[in-house]
Amino acid sequence: MPLRKTGMALRISRAADRTSLRIAGDIDEFSYDELVAALAGFAGGRDDIHIDMAGVESCDLAGLRALVLLAADSRQDGAGGRRVILHGLPAHLKSVLEILGWDTTAGLSIE
């Protein structure tokens, strides 16, 4: 029996001022590739990467890991001081990051 997607579809858009990325809906195995592609496309050439997560309903560990790896990679690819700043991160996702210890990843800020 094939898996069926349920929940809210992932929506990714740039803020009106084009300085941040807005993510809403569910981040899961069905939307992971879309998330990774959007993060990579948005991150190129930016000093800091601002991501509004307020509209995220759920996010699996792979999705959280993609965000954390973006922050860690920005430190290793010569960007040095570039940060990934998560805005409006839902409390339940912040708790998961804290439990895993990923909230202390160099280059990651939660506001």
Protein backbone atom coordinates (compact mmCIF):
# COMPACT_ATOMS: atom_id res chain seq x y z
CA MET A 1 0.00 0.00 0.00
CA PRO A 2 1.59 3.34 -1.03
CA LEU A 3 2.13 6.04 1.54
CA ARG A 4 -0.31 8.91 1.32
CA LYS A 5 0.56 12.44 2.25
CA THR A 6 -1.61 14.07 4.88
CA GLY A 7 -1.42 17.41 6.64
CA MET A 8 -0.60 20.84 5.29
CA ALA A 9 1.42 21.16 2.12
CA LEU A 10 4.78 22.86 2.46
CA ARG A 11 4.79 26.47 1.31
CA ILE A 12 8.05 28.34 0.83
CA SER A 13 8.20 31.99 -0.21
CA ARG A 14 10.40 35.02 0.08
CA ALA A 15 9.28 37.87 2.30
CA ALA A 16 8.06 41.00 0.56
CA ASP A 17 11.40 42.71 1.16
CA ARG A 18 13.19 39.59 -0.23
CA THR A 19 15.55 39.42 2.78
CA SER A 20 14.05 36.36 4.45
CA LEU A 21 12.48 33.06 3.57
CA ARG A 22 9.05 32.08 4.91
CA ILE A 23 8.30 28.43 5.49
CA ALA A 24 4.83 27.15 6.39
CA GLY A 25 3.04 23.81 6.49
CA ASP A 26 4.60 20.40 7.07
CA ILE A 27 8.22 19.46 6.53
CA ASP A 28 8.41 15.72 6.07
CA GLU A 29 9.76 13.04 3.75
CA PHE A 30 7.47 14.28 0.98
CA SER A 31 8.64 17.90 1.16
CA TYR A 32 12.27 17.43 2.26
CA ASP A 33 13.79 17.74 -1.23
CA GLU A 34 11.80 20.92 -1.89
CA LEU A 35 13.03 22.39 1.41
CA VAL A 36 16.68 21.57 0.74
CA ALA A 37 16.51 23.03 -2.77
CA ALA A 38 14.83 26.22 -1.51
CA LEU A 39 17.39 26.66 1.28
CA ALA A 40 20.31 26.18 -1.10
CA GLY A 41 18.86 28.60 -3.64
CA PHE A 42 18.13 31.24 -1.04
CA ALA A 43 21.42 30.94 0.85
CA GLY A 44 23.74 31.62 -2.08
CA GLY A 45 25.72 34.81 -1.59
CA ARG A 46 23.91 35.98 1.55
CA ASP A 47 25.64 37.22 4.67
CA ASP A 48 22.95 35.97 7.05
CA ILE A 49 20.04 33.68 6.27
CA HIS A 50 16.78 34.69 7.94
CA ILE A 51 14.04 32.06 7.96
CA ASP A 52 10.53 32.71 9.28
CA MET A 53 9.29 29.40 10.69
CA ALA A 54 6.13 30.69 12.38
CA GLY A 55 3.84 28.92 9.91
CA VAL A 56 5.43 25.49 10.26
CA GLU A 57 2.92 22.99 11.63
CA SER A 58 5.26 20.01 11.89
CA CYS A 59 8.82 19.15 10.97
CA ASP A 60 10.52 15.79 11.08
CA LEU A 61 14.13 15.30 12.18
CA ALA A 62 15.40 15.33 8.60
CA GLY A 63 13.91 18.79 8.09
CA LEU A 64 15.44 20.12 11.30
CA ARG A 65 18.73 18.55 10.34
CA ALA A 66 18.65 20.34 6.97
CA LEU A 67 18.39 23.68 8.79
CA VAL A 68 21.16 22.78 11.23
CA LEU A 69 23.44 21.55 8.44
CA LEU A 70 22.89 24.80 6.54
CA ALA A 71 24.14 26.66 9.62
CA ALA A 72 27.10 24.30 10.12
CA ASP A 73 28.02 24.36 6.42
CA SER A 74 28.01 28.15 6.38
CA ARG A 75 30.82 28.04 8.92
CA GLN A 76 32.86 25.52 6.95
CA ASP A 77 32.52 26.87 3.41
CA GLY A 78 34.48 30.04 4.06
CA ALA A 79 31.46 32.19 4.87
CA GLY A 80 32.89 32.48 8.39
CA GLY A 81 30.48 34.76 10.18
CA ARG A 82 27.32 33.92 8.28
CA ARG A 83 24.43 32.80 10.48
CA VAL A 84 21.16 31.00 9.95
CA ILE A 85 18.56 32.82 12.03
CA LEU A 86 15.27 31.05 12.70
CA HIS A 87 12.42 33.42 13.51
CA GLY A 88 9.10 32.34 15.00
CA LEU A 89 10.21 28.76 15.55
CA PRO A 90 7.28 26.90 17.14
CA ALA A 91 7.93 25.89 20.76
CA HIS A 92 7.65 22.18 20.06
CA LEU A 93 10.36 22.38 17.39
CA LYS A 94 12.59 24.49 19.60
CA SER A 95 12.24 21.84 22.30
CA VAL A 96 13.34 19.11 19.89
CA LEU A 97 16.40 21.15 18.86
CA GLU A 98 17.27 21.65 22.54
CA ILE A 99 16.82 17.95 23.41
CA LEU A 100 19.12 16.96 20.55
CA GLY A 101 21.62 19.69 21.43
CA TRP A 102 21.33 21.11 17.92
CA ASP A 103 20.29 24.52 19.27
CA THR A 104 23.96 25.18 20.11
CA THR A 105 25.19 24.56 16.56
CA ALA A 106 27.72 27.23 15.57
CA GLY A 107 26.07 29.60 13.12
CA LEU A 108 22.51 28.84 14.23
CA SER A 109 20.44 31.46 16.08
CA ILE A 110 16.89 31.01 17.31
CA GLU A 111 14.95 34.23 17.82
